Amino acid sequence: MSTLTGKPLARPDLGKSLLAVALVTAAILMVPLVAMQFTREVVWTGSDFVIAGLLLSITGLALVAALRTLRTAKARFVAAGVLGLGLLYCWAELAVGIFTNLGS
């Protein structure tokens, strides 16, 4: 889609970034899916895959937005670190409640 001036509304490489997020998310989700075929120690339900997919996709999209918005390498590195730590915190909390179930 374009404006009346003929200029595109979005950067042309945005589709590639979104595709990359989708492919990386799918690749990461393949790890537990394949592991479930070989061991009984990995037991994920459909809702586990949906929640993990949403968490990974949202983090990936936020990273793409941050990398497009921020100009300095230091700011991009900090943003990637904060997003990565946020992802790990949410993942650990959803998996075992590592931070909220300290006294239980």
PDB file of N, CA and C in Angstrom:
ATOM      1  N   MET A   1       0.837  -1.166   0.000  1.00  0.00           N
ATOM      2  CA  MET A   1       0.000   0.000   0.000  1.00  0.00           C
ATOM      3  C   MET A   1       0.882   1.229   0.000  1.00  0.00           C
ATOM      4  N   SER A   2       0.457   2.301  -0.661  1.00  0.00           N
ATOM      5  CA  SER A   2       1.268   3.507  -0.718  1.00  0.00           C
ATOM      6  C   SER A   2       0.402   4.733  -0.473  1.00  0.00           C
ATOM      7  N   THR A   3       1.086   5.840  -0.246  1.00  0.00           N
ATOM      8  CA  THR A   3       0.385   7.104  -0.045  1.00  0.00           C
ATOM      9  C   THR A   3       0.081   7.717  -1.396  1.00  0.00           C
ATOM     10  N   LEU A   4      -0.578   8.869  -1.392  1.00  0.00           N
ATOM     11  CA  LEU A   4      -0.900   9.540  -2.651  1.00  0.00           C
ATOM     12  C   LEU A   4       0.346  10.008  -3.392  1.00  0.00           C
ATOM     13  N   THR A   5       1.432  10.197  -2.682  1.00  0.00           N
ATOM     14  CA  THR A   5       2.672  10.633  -3.313  1.00  0.00           C
ATOM     15  C   THR A   5       3.428   9.480  -3.958  1.00  0.00           C
ATOM     16  N   GLY A   6       2.969   8.270  -3.739  1.00  0.00           N
ATOM     17  CA  GLY A   6       3.620   7.114  -4.334  1.00  0.00           C
ATOM     18  C   GLY A   6       4.697   6.510  -3.457  1.00  0.00           C
ATOM     19  N   LYS A   7       4.943   7.111  -2.300  1.00  0.00           N
ATOM     20  CA  LYS A   7       5.952   6.564  -1.397  1.00  0.00           C
ATOM     21  C   LYS A   7       5.346   5.425  -0.578  1.00  0.00           C
ATOM     22  N   PRO A   8       6.076   4.357  -0.370  1.00  0.00           N
ATOM     23  CA  PRO A   8       5.535   3.250   0.422  1.00  0.00           C
ATOM     24  C   PRO A   8       5.367   3.651   1.882  1.00  0.00           C
ATOM     25  N   LEU A   9       4.361   3.057   2.518  1.00  0.00           N
ATOM     26  CA  LEU A   9       4.095   3.348   3.917  1.00  0.00           C
ATOM     27  C   LEU A   9       5.093   2.657   4.841  1.00  0.00           C
ATOM     28  N   ALA A  10       5.604   1.517   4.474  1.00  0.00           N
ATOM     29  CA  ALA A  10       6.528   0.765   5.312  1.00  0.00           C
ATOM     30  C   ALA A  10       7.817   0.527   4.550  1.00  0.00           C
ATOM     31  N   ARG A  11       8.852   0.239   5.299  1.00  0.00           N
ATOM     32  CA  ARG A  11      10.116  -0.087   4.654  1.00  0.00           C
ATOM     33  C   ARG A  11       9.960  -1.389   3.876  1.00  0.00           C
ATOM     34  N   PRO A  12      10.595  -1.495   2.736  1.00  0.00           N
ATOM     35  CA  PRO A  12      10.406  -2.701   1.922  1.00  0.00           C
ATOM     36  C   PRO A  12      10.932  -3.975   2.576  1.00  0.00           C
ATOM     37  N   ASP A  13      11.884  -3.864   3.507  1.00  0.00           N
ATOM     38  CA  ASP A  13      12.432  -5.066   4.124  1.00  0.00           C
ATOM     39  C   ASP A  13      11.671  -5.481   5.385  1.00  0.00           C
ATOM     40  N   LEU A  14      10.563  -4.839   5.694  1.00  0.00           N
ATOM     41  CA  LEU A  14       9.786  -5.197   6.874  1.00  0.00           C
ATOM     42  C   LEU A  14       9.241  -6.617   6.748  1.00  0.00           C
ATOM     43  N   GLY A  15       8.814  -6.996   5.571  1.00  0.00           N
ATOM     44  CA  GLY A  15       8.305  -8.351   5.361  1.00  0.00           C
ATOM     45  C   GLY A  15       9.357  -9.403   5.646  1.00  0.00           C
ATOM     46  N   LYS A  16      10.608  -9.118   5.295  1.00  0.00           N
ATOM     47  CA  LYS A  16      11.696 -10.053   5.565  1.00  0.00           C
ATOM     48  C   LYS A  16      11.938 -10.183   7.059  1.00  0.00           C
ATOM     49  N   SER A  17      11.825  -9.077   7.775  1.00  0.00           N
ATOM     50  CA  SER A  17      12.014  -9.118   9.229  1.00  0.00           C
ATOM     51  C   SER A  17      10.912  -9.927   9.897  1.00  0.00           C
ATOM     52  N   LEU A  18       9.680  -9.735   9.454  1.00  0.00           N
ATOM     53  CA  LEU A  18       8.569 -10.485  10.025  1.00  0.00           C
ATOM     54  C   LEU A  18       8.692 -11.972   9.702  1.00  0.00           C
ATOM     55  N   LEU A  19       9.135 -12.274   8.497  1.00  0.00           N
ATOM     56  CA  LEU A  19       9.364 -13.668   8.113  1.00  0.00           C
ATOM     57  C   LEU A  19      10.468 -14.285   8.960  1.00  0.00           C
ATOM     58  N   ALA A  20      11.519 -13.523   9.227  1.00  0.00           N
ATOM     59  CA  ALA A  20      12.618 -14.012  10.056  1.00  0.00           C
ATOM     60  C   ALA A  20      12.131 -14.313  11.470  1.00  0.00           C
ATOM     61  N   VAL A  21      11.300 -13.435  12.028  1.00  0.00           N
ATOM     62  CA  VAL A  21      10.746 -13.671  13.369  1.00  0.00           C
ATOM     63  C   VAL A  21       9.920 -14.949  13.365  1.00  0.00           C
ATOM     64  N   ALA A  22       9.097 -15.130  12.359  1.00  0.00           N
ATOM     65  CA  ALA A  22       8.252 -16.328  12.280  1.00  0.00           C
ATOM     66  C   ALA A  22       9.097 -17.593  12.135  1.00  0.00           C
ATOM     67  N   LEU A  23      10.136 -17.544  11.315  1.00  0.00           N
ATOM     68  CA  LEU A  23      10.975 -18.726  11.107  1.00  0.00           C
ATOM     69  C   LEU A  23      11.799 -19.078  12.341  1.00  0.00           C
ATOM     70  N   VAL A  24      12.339 -18.057  13.020  1.00  0.00           N
ATOM     71  CA  VAL A  24      13.117 -18.319  14.236  1.00  0.00           C
ATOM     72  C   VAL A  24      12.208 -18.872  15.325  1.00  0.00           C
ATOM     73  N   THR A  25      11.002 -18.307  15.443  1.00  0.00           N
ATOM     74  CA  THR A  25      10.044 -18.812  16.426  1.00  0.00           C
ATOM     75  C   THR A  25       9.717 -20.274  16.136  1.00  0.00           C
ATOM     76  N   ALA A  26       9.444 -20.599  14.901  1.00  0.00           N
ATOM     77  CA  ALA A  26       9.133 -21.985  14.535  1.00  0.00           C
ATOM     78  C   ALA A  26      10.325 -22.903  14.801  1.00  0.00           C
ATOM     79  N   ALA A  27      11.530 -22.432  14.511  1.00  0.00           N
ATOM     80  CA  ALA A  27      12.719 -23.261  14.733  1.00  0.00           C
ATOM     81  C   ALA A  27      12.917 -23.544  16.220  1.00  0.00           C
ATOM     82  N   ILE A  28      12.709 -22.541  17.055  1.00  0.00           N
ATOM     83  CA  ILE A  28      12.859 -22.748  18.491  1.00  0.00           C
ATOM     84  C   ILE A  28      11.792 -23.710  19.013  1.00  0.00           C
ATOM     85  N   LEU A  29      10.579 -23.586  18.499  1.00  0.00           N
ATOM     86  CA  LEU A  29       9.505 -24.484  18.944  1.00  0.00           C
ATOM     87  C   LEU A  29       9.683 -25.914  18.445  1.00  0.00           C
ATOM     88  N   MET A  30      10.510 -26.099  17.426  1.00  0.00           N
ATOM     89  CA  MET A  30      10.781 -27.446  16.945  1.00  0.00           C
ATOM     90  C   MET A  30      11.615 -28.250  17.943  1.00  0.00           C
ATOM     91  N   VAL A  31      12.389 -27.556  18.778  1.00  0.00           N
ATOM     92  CA  VAL A  31      13.249 -28.266  19.736  1.00  0.00           C
ATOM     93  C   VAL A  31      12.422 -29.117  20.696  1.00  0.00           C
ATOM     94  N   PRO A  32      11.433 -28.549  21.410  1.00  0.00           N
ATOM     95  CA  PRO A  32      10.646 -29.429  22.291  1.00  0.00           C
ATOM     96  C   PRO A  32       9.788 -30.420  21.515  1.00  0.00           C
ATOM     97  N   LEU A  33       9.338 -30.036  20.329  1.00  0.00           N
ATOM     98  CA  LEU A  33       8.521 -30.959  19.534  1.00  0.00           C
ATOM     99  C   LEU A  33       9.317 -32.202  19.152  1.00  0.00           C
ATOM    100  N   VAL A  34      10.544 -32.017  18.728  1.00  0.00           N
ATOM    101  CA  VAL A  34      11.393 -33.163  18.375  1.00  0.00           C
ATOM    102  C   VAL A  34      11.789 -33.929  19.629  1.00  0.00           C
ATOM    103  N   ALA A  35      12.097 -33.202  20.713  1.00  0.00           N
ATOM    104  CA  ALA A  35      12.487 -33.872  21.959  1.00  0.00           C
ATOM    105  C   ALA A  35      11.368 -34.756  22.484  1.00  0.00           C
ATOM    106  N   MET A  36      10.129 -34.354  22.283  1.00  0.00           N
ATOM    107  CA  MET A  36       8.995 -35.154  22.745  1.00  0.00           C
ATOM    108  C   MET A  36       8.930 -36.507  22.032  1.00  0.00           C
ATOM    109  N   GLN A  37       9.521 -36.584  20.839  1.00  0.00           N
ATOM    110  CA  GLN A  37       9.494 -37.830  20.084  1.00  0.00           C
ATOM    111  C   GLN A  37      10.497 -38.855  20.612  1.00  0.00           C
ATOM    112  N   PHE A  38      11.506 -38.371  21.371  1.00  0.00           N
ATOM    113  CA  PHE A  38      12.587 -39.250  21.791  1.00  0.00           C
ATOM    114  C   PHE A  38      12.648 -39.486  23.293  1.00  0.00           C
ATOM    115  N   THR A  39      11.972 -38.668  24.089  1.00  0.00           N
ATOM    116  CA  THR A  39      12.041 -38.831  25.532  1.00  0.00           C
ATOM    117  C   THR A  39      10.692 -38.503  26.169  1.00  0.00           C
ATOM    118  N   ARG A  40      10.464 -39.096  27.306  1.00  0.00           N
ATOM    119  CA  ARG A  40       9.227 -38.815  28.034  1.00  0.00           C
ATOM    120  C   ARG A  40       9.426 -37.683  29.039  1.00  0.00           C
ATOM    121  N   GLU A  41      10.625 -37.145  29.131  1.00  0.00           N
ATOM    122  CA  GLU A  41      10.918 -36.056  30.056  1.00  0.00           C
ATOM    123  C   GLU A  41      10.406 -34.715  29.552  1.00  0.00           C
ATOM    124  N   VAL A  42      10.191 -34.599  28.267  1.00  0.00           N
ATOM    125  CA  VAL A  42       9.642 -33.373  27.685  1.00  0.00           C
ATOM    126  C   VAL A  42       8.188 -33.650  27.340  1.00  0.00           C
ATOM    127  N   VAL A  43       7.289 -32.990  28.052  1.00  0.00           N
ATOM    128  CA  VAL A  43       5.862 -33.196  27.840  1.00  0.00           C
ATOM    129  C   VAL A  43       5.207 -31.823  27.724  1.00  0.00           C
ATOM    130  N   TRP A  44       4.969 -31.391  26.496  1.00  0.00           N
ATOM    131  CA  TRP A  44       4.308 -30.113  26.247  1.00  0.00           C
ATOM    132  C   TRP A  44       2.916 -30.387  25.697  1.00  0.00           C
ATOM    133  N   THR A  45       1.968 -29.551  26.102  1.00  0.00           N
ATOM    134  CA  THR A  45       0.622 -29.618  25.542  1.00  0.00           C
ATOM    135  C   THR A  45       0.509 -28.560  24.444  1.00  0.00           C
ATOM    136  N   GLY A  46      -0.619 -28.563  23.778  1.00  0.00           N
ATOM    137  CA  GLY A  46      -0.851 -27.562  22.746  1.00  0.00           C
ATOM    138  C   GLY A  46      -0.795 -26.147  23.290  1.00  0.00           C
ATOM    139  N   SER A  47      -1.328 -25.962  24.500  1.00  0.00           N
ATOM    140  CA  SER A  47      -1.306 -24.618  25.086  1.00  0.00           C
ATOM    141  C   SER A  47       0.119 -24.178  25.416  1.00  0.00           C
ATOM    142  N   ASP A  48       0.990 -25.115  25.762  1.00  0.00           N
ATOM    143  CA  ASP A  48       2.395 -24.775  25.999  1.00  0.00           C
ATOM    144  C   ASP A  48       3.031 -24.214  24.728  1.00  0.00           C
ATOM    145  N   PHE A  49       2.743 -24.860  23.607  1.00  0.00           N
ATOM    146  CA  PHE A  49       3.298 -24.383  22.337  1.00  0.00           C
ATOM    147  C   PHE A  49       2.722 -23.018  21.956  1.00  0.00           C
ATOM    148  N   VAL A  50       1.443 -22.821  22.194  1.00  0.00           N
ATOM    149  CA  VAL A  50       0.814 -21.531  21.865  1.00  0.00           C
ATOM    150  C   VAL A  50       1.419 -20.415  22.710  1.00  0.00           C
ATOM    151  N   ILE A  51       1.534 -20.644  24.011  1.00  0.00           N
ATOM    152  CA  ILE A  51       2.077 -19.616  24.897  1.00  0.00           C
ATOM    153  C   ILE A  51       3.536 -19.337  24.570  1.00  0.00           C
ATOM    154  N   ALA A  52       4.326 -20.377  24.356  1.00  0.00           N
ATOM    155  CA  ALA A  52       5.731 -20.179  24.000  1.00  0.00           C
ATOM    156  C   ALA A  52       5.848 -19.452  22.661  1.00  0.00           C
ATOM    157  N   GLY A  53       5.004 -19.810  21.701  1.00  0.00           N
ATOM    158  CA  GLY A  53       5.023 -19.132  20.404  1.00  0.00           C
ATOM    159  C   GLY A  53       4.673 -17.658  20.520  1.00  0.00           C
ATOM    160  N   LEU A  54       3.672 -17.350  21.338  1.00  0.00           N
ATOM    161  CA  LEU A  54       3.310 -15.942  21.552  1.00  0.00           C
ATOM    162  C   LEU A  54       4.440 -15.191  22.234  1.00  0.00           C
ATOM    163  N   LEU A  55       5.023 -15.783  23.256  1.00  0.00           N
ATOM    164  CA  LEU A  55       6.109 -15.139  23.979  1.00  0.00           C
ATOM    165  C   LEU A  55       7.305 -14.880  23.066  1.00  0.00           C
ATOM    166  N   LEU A  56       7.678 -15.868  22.276  1.00  0.00           N
ATOM    167  CA  LEU A  56       8.798 -15.706  21.357  1.00  0.00           C
ATOM    168  C   LEU A  56       8.486 -14.703  20.246  1.00  0.00           C
ATOM    169  N   SER A  57       7.279 -14.745  19.709  1.00  0.00           N
ATOM    170  CA  SER A  57       6.896 -13.830  18.638  1.00  0.00           C
ATOM    171  C   SER A  57       6.852 -12.384  19.117  1.00  0.00           C
ATOM    172  N   ILE A  58       6.267 -12.164  20.277  1.00  0.00           N
ATOM    173  CA  ILE A  58       6.189 -10.796  20.809  1.00  0.00           C
ATOM    174  C   ILE A  58       7.581 -10.259  21.083  1.00  0.00           C
ATOM    175  N   THR A  59       8.439 -11.089  21.642  1.00  0.00           N
ATOM    176  CA  THR A  59       9.811 -10.656  21.901  1.00  0.00           C
ATOM    177  C   THR A  59      10.540 -10.358  20.592  1.00  0.00           C
ATOM    178  N   GLY A  60      10.357 -11.214  19.610  1.00  0.00           N
ATOM    179  CA  GLY A  60      10.996 -10.993  18.311  1.00  0.00           C
ATOM    180  C   GLY A  60      10.513  -9.722  17.633  1.00  0.00           C
ATOM    181  N   LEU A  61       9.202  -9.480  17.683  1.00  0.00           N
ATOM    182  CA  LEU A  61       8.661  -8.267  17.082  1.00  0.00           C
ATOM    183  C   LEU A  61       9.135  -7.015  17.815  1.00  0.00           C
ATOM    184  N   ALA A  62       9.224  -7.108  19.144  1.00  0.00           N
ATOM    185  CA  ALA A  62       9.734  -5.978  19.922  1.00  0.00           C
ATOM    186  C   ALA A  62      11.200  -5.722  19.580  1.00  0.00           C
ATOM    187  N   LEU A  63      11.965  -6.779  19.370  1.00  0.00           N
ATOM    188  CA  LEU A  63      13.365  -6.620  18.993  1.00  0.00           C
ATOM    189  C   LEU A  63      13.494  -5.973  17.619  1.00  0.00           C
ATOM    190  N   VAL A  64      12.687  -6.400  16.673  1.00  0.00           N
ATOM    191  CA  VAL A  64      12.709  -5.795  15.339  1.00  0.00           C
ATOM    192  C   VAL A  64      12.377  -4.300  15.437  1.00  0.00           C
ATOM    193  N   ALA A  65      11.352  -3.964  16.222  1.00  0.00           N
ATOM    194  CA  ALA A  65      10.974  -2.565  16.387  1.00  0.00           C
ATOM    195  C   ALA A  65      12.100  -1.770  17.039  1.00  0.00           C
ATOM    196  N   ALA A  66      12.730  -2.347  18.051  1.00  0.00           N
ATOM    197  CA  ALA A  66      13.818  -1.645  18.730  1.00  0.00           C
ATOM    198  C   ALA A  66      15.010  -1.434  17.799  1.00  0.00           C
ATOM    199  N   LEU A  67      15.352  -2.454  17.035  1.00  0.00           N
ATOM    200  CA  LEU A  67      16.495  -2.327  16.127  1.00  0.00           C
ATOM    201  C   LEU A  67      16.228  -1.324  15.008  1.00  0.00           C
ATOM    202  N   ARG A  68      14.978  -1.178  14.613  1.00  0.00           N
ATOM    203  CA  ARG A  68      14.632  -0.202  13.585  1.00  0.00           C
ATOM    204  C   ARG A  68      14.607   1.212  14.145  1.00  0.00           C
ATOM    205  N   THR A  69      14.270   1.347  15.419  1.00  0.00           N
ATOM    206  CA  THR A  69      14.102   2.663  16.023  1.00  0.00           C
ATOM    207  C   THR A  69      15.422   3.218  16.548  1.00  0.00           C
ATOM    208  N   LEU A  70      16.185   2.390  17.215  1.00  0.00           N
ATOM    209  CA  LEU A  70      17.417   2.842  17.849  1.00  0.00           C
ATOM    210  C   LEU A  70      18.545   2.913  16.832  1.00  0.00           C
ATOM    211  N   ARG A  71      19.382   3.944  16.977  1.00  0.00           N
ATOM    212  CA  ARG A  71      20.430   4.166  15.978  1.00  0.00           C
ATOM    213  C   ARG A  71      21.823   3.737  16.414  1.00  0.00           C
ATOM    214  N   THR A  72      22.130   3.822  17.709  1.00  0.00           N
ATOM    215  CA  THR A  72      23.484   3.483  18.140  1.00  0.00           C
ATOM    216  C   THR A  72      23.586   2.007  18.483  1.00  0.00           C
ATOM    217  N   ALA A  73      24.784   1.481  18.308  1.00  0.00           N
ATOM    218  CA  ALA A  73      25.014   0.069  18.601  1.00  0.00           C
ATOM    219  C   ALA A  73      24.815  -0.213  20.087  1.00  0.00           C
ATOM    220  N   LYS A  74      25.218   0.724  20.933  1.00  0.00           N
ATOM    221  CA  LYS A  74      25.074   0.531  22.377  1.00  0.00           C
ATOM    222  C   LYS A  74      23.594   0.457  22.761  1.00  0.00           C
ATOM    223  N   ALA A  75      22.777   1.332  22.227  1.00  0.00           N
ATOM    224  CA  ALA A  75      21.345   1.329  22.534  1.00  0.00           C
ATOM    225  C   ALA A  75      20.694   0.043  22.033  1.00  0.00           C
ATOM    226  N   ARG A  76      21.092  -0.409  20.867  1.00  0.00           N
ATOM    227  CA  ARG A  76      20.545  -1.654  20.332  1.00  0.00           C
ATOM    228  C   ARG A  76      20.938  -2.852  21.191  1.00  0.00           C
ATOM    229  N   PHE A  77      22.197  -2.848  21.646  1.00  0.00           N
ATOM    230  CA  PHE A  77      22.681  -3.926  22.497  1.00  0.00           C
ATOM    231  C   PHE A  77      21.923  -3.953  23.823  1.00  0.00           C
ATOM    232  N   VAL A  78      21.720  -2.792  24.414  1.00  0.00           N
ATOM    233  CA  VAL A  78      20.991  -2.707  25.680  1.00  0.00           C
ATOM    234  C   VAL A  78      19.543  -3.166  25.485  1.00  0.00           C
ATOM    235  N   ALA A  79      18.910  -2.719  24.412  1.00  0.00           N
ATOM    236  CA  ALA A  79      17.527  -3.118  24.142  1.00  0.00           C
ATOM    237  C   ALA A  79      17.422  -4.624  23.946  1.00  0.00           C
ATOM    238  N   ALA A  80      18.355  -5.205  23.210  1.00  0.00           N
ATOM    239  CA  ALA A  80      18.347  -6.654  22.995  1.00  0.00           C
ATOM    240  C   ALA A  80      18.549  -7.389  24.316  1.00  0.00           C
ATOM    241  N   GLY A  81      19.420  -6.873  25.161  1.00  0.00           N
ATOM    242  CA  GLY A  81      19.654  -7.490  26.468  1.00  0.00           C
ATOM    243  C   GLY A  81      18.432  -7.424  27.365  1.00  0.00           C
ATOM    244  N   VAL A  82      17.781  -6.262  27.405  1.00  0.00           N
ATOM    245  CA  VAL A  82      16.587  -6.105  28.232  1.00  0.00           C
ATOM    246  C   VAL A  82      15.478  -7.028  27.737  1.00  0.00           C
ATOM    247  N   LEU A  83      15.292  -7.087  26.428  1.00  0.00           N
ATOM    248  CA  LEU A  83      14.262  -7.976  25.876  1.00  0.00           C
ATOM    249  C   LEU A  83      14.594  -9.440  26.141  1.00  0.00           C
ATOM    250  N   GLY A  84      15.867  -9.806  26.020  1.00  0.00           N
ATOM    251  CA  GLY A  84      16.276 -11.177  26.293  1.00  0.00           C
ATOM    252  C   GLY A  84      16.063 -11.556  27.749  1.00  0.00           C
ATOM    253  N   LEU A  85      16.412 -10.653  28.664  1.00  0.00           N
ATOM    254  CA  LEU A  85      16.184 -10.921  30.080  1.00  0.00           C
ATOM    255  C   LEU A  85      14.696 -10.996  30.401  1.00  0.00           C
ATOM    256  N   GLY A  86      13.915 -10.142  29.764  1.00  0.00           N
ATOM    257  CA  GLY A  86      12.470 -10.193  29.959  1.00  0.00           C
ATOM    258  C   GLY A  86      11.889 -11.515  29.480  1.00  0.00           C
ATOM    259  N   LEU A  87      12.367 -11.986  28.341  1.00  0.00           N
ATOM    260  CA  LEU A  87      11.931 -13.284  27.820  1.00  0.00           C
ATOM    261  C   LEU A  87      12.294 -14.409  28.785  1.00  0.00           C
ATOM    262  N   LEU A  88      13.528 -14.407  29.257  1.00  0.00           N
ATOM    263  CA  LEU A  88      13.958 -15.457  30.182  1.00  0.00           C
ATOM    264  C   LEU A  88      13.183 -15.403  31.491  1.00  0.00           C
ATOM    265  N   TYR A  89      12.916 -14.202  31.995  1.00  0.00           N
ATOM    266  CA  TYR A  89      12.140 -14.073  33.228  1.00  0.00           C
ATOM    267  C   TYR A  89      10.741 -14.654  33.043  1.00  0.00           C
ATOM    268  N   CYS A  90      10.059 -14.250  31.975  1.00  0.00           N
ATOM    269  CA  CYS A  90       8.702 -14.749  31.727  1.00  0.00           C
ATOM    270  C   CYS A  90       8.701 -16.254  31.529  1.00  0.00           C
ATOM    271  N   TRP A  91       9.664 -16.777  30.794  1.00  0.00           N
ATOM    272  CA  TRP A  91       9.748 -18.213  30.531  1.00  0.00           C
ATOM    273  C   TRP A  91       9.941 -18.984  31.831  1.00  0.00           C
ATOM    274  N   ALA A  92      10.871 -18.525  32.675  1.00  0.00           N
ATOM    275  CA  ALA A  92      11.121 -19.211  33.941  1.00  0.00           C
ATOM    276  C   ALA A  92       9.913 -19.120  34.866  1.00  0.00           C
ATOM    277  N   GLU A  93       9.278 -17.976  34.882  1.00  0.00           N
ATOM    278  CA  GLU A  93       8.118 -17.796  35.749  1.00  0.00           C
ATOM    279  C   GLU A  93       6.961 -18.687  35.305  1.00  0.00           C
ATOM    280  N   LEU A  94       6.726 -18.752  34.013  1.00  0.00           N
ATOM    281  CA  LEU A  94       5.654 -19.601  33.511  1.00  0.00           C
ATOM    282  C   LEU A  94       5.980 -21.088  33.688  1.00  0.00           C
ATOM    283  N   ALA A  95       7.243 -21.432  33.578  1.00  0.00           N
ATOM    284  CA  ALA A  95       7.627 -22.841  33.670  1.00  0.00           C
ATOM    285  C   ALA A  95       7.515 -23.379  35.090  1.00  0.00           C
ATOM    286  N   VAL A  96       8.122 -22.675  36.049  1.00  0.00           N
ATOM    287  CA  VAL A  96       8.173 -23.228  37.403  1.00  0.00           C
ATOM    288  C   VAL A  96       7.860 -22.217  38.489  1.00  0.00           C
ATOM    289  N   GLY A  97       7.559 -20.984  38.138  1.00  0.00           N
ATOM    290  CA  GLY A  97       7.286 -19.979  39.160  1.00  0.00           C
ATOM    291  C   GLY A  97       8.510 -19.711  40.013  1.00  0.00           C
ATOM    292  N   ILE A  98       9.653 -19.611  39.373  1.00  0.00           N
ATOM    293  CA  ILE A  98      10.928 -19.537  40.077  1.00  0.00           C
ATOM    294  C   ILE A  98      11.061 -18.305  40.974  1.00  0.00           C
ATOM    295  N   PHE A  99      10.385 -17.216  40.642  1.00  0.00           N
ATOM    296  CA  PHE A  99      10.549 -15.991  41.407  1.00  0.00           C
ATOM    297  C   PHE A  99       9.385 -15.707  42.358  1.00  0.00           C
ATOM    298  N   THR A 100       8.211 -16.183  42.054  1.00  0.00           N
ATOM    299  CA  THR A 100       7.052 -15.872  42.906  1.00  0.00           C
ATOM    300  C   THR A 100       6.747 -16.973  43.907  1.00  0.00           C
ATOM    301  N   ASN A 101       7.284 -18.152  43.749  1.00  0.00           N
ATOM    302  CA  ASN A 101       7.010 -19.281  44.658  1.00  0.00           C
ATOM    303  C   ASN A 101       8.215 -19.580  45.533  1.00  0.00           C
ATOM    304  N   LEU A 102       8.878 -18.557  46.019  1.00  0.00           N
ATOM    305  CA  LEU A 102      10.075 -18.776  46.814  1.00  0.00           C
ATOM    306  C   LEU A 102       9.791 -19.429  48.161  1.00  0.00           C
ATOM    307  N   GLY A 103       8.673 -19.055  48.801  1.00  0.00           N
ATOM    308  CA  GLY A 103       8.404 -19.581  50.135  1.00  0.00           C
ATOM    309  C   GLY A 103       7.505 -20.801  50.151  1.00  0.00           C
ATOM    310  N   SER A 104       7.020 -21.231  49.026  1.00  0.00           N
ATOM    311  CA  SER A 104       6.059 -22.352  49.002  1.00  0.00           C
ATOM    312  C   SER A 104       6.748 -23.687  49.091  1.00  0.00           C
TER     313      SER A 104
END
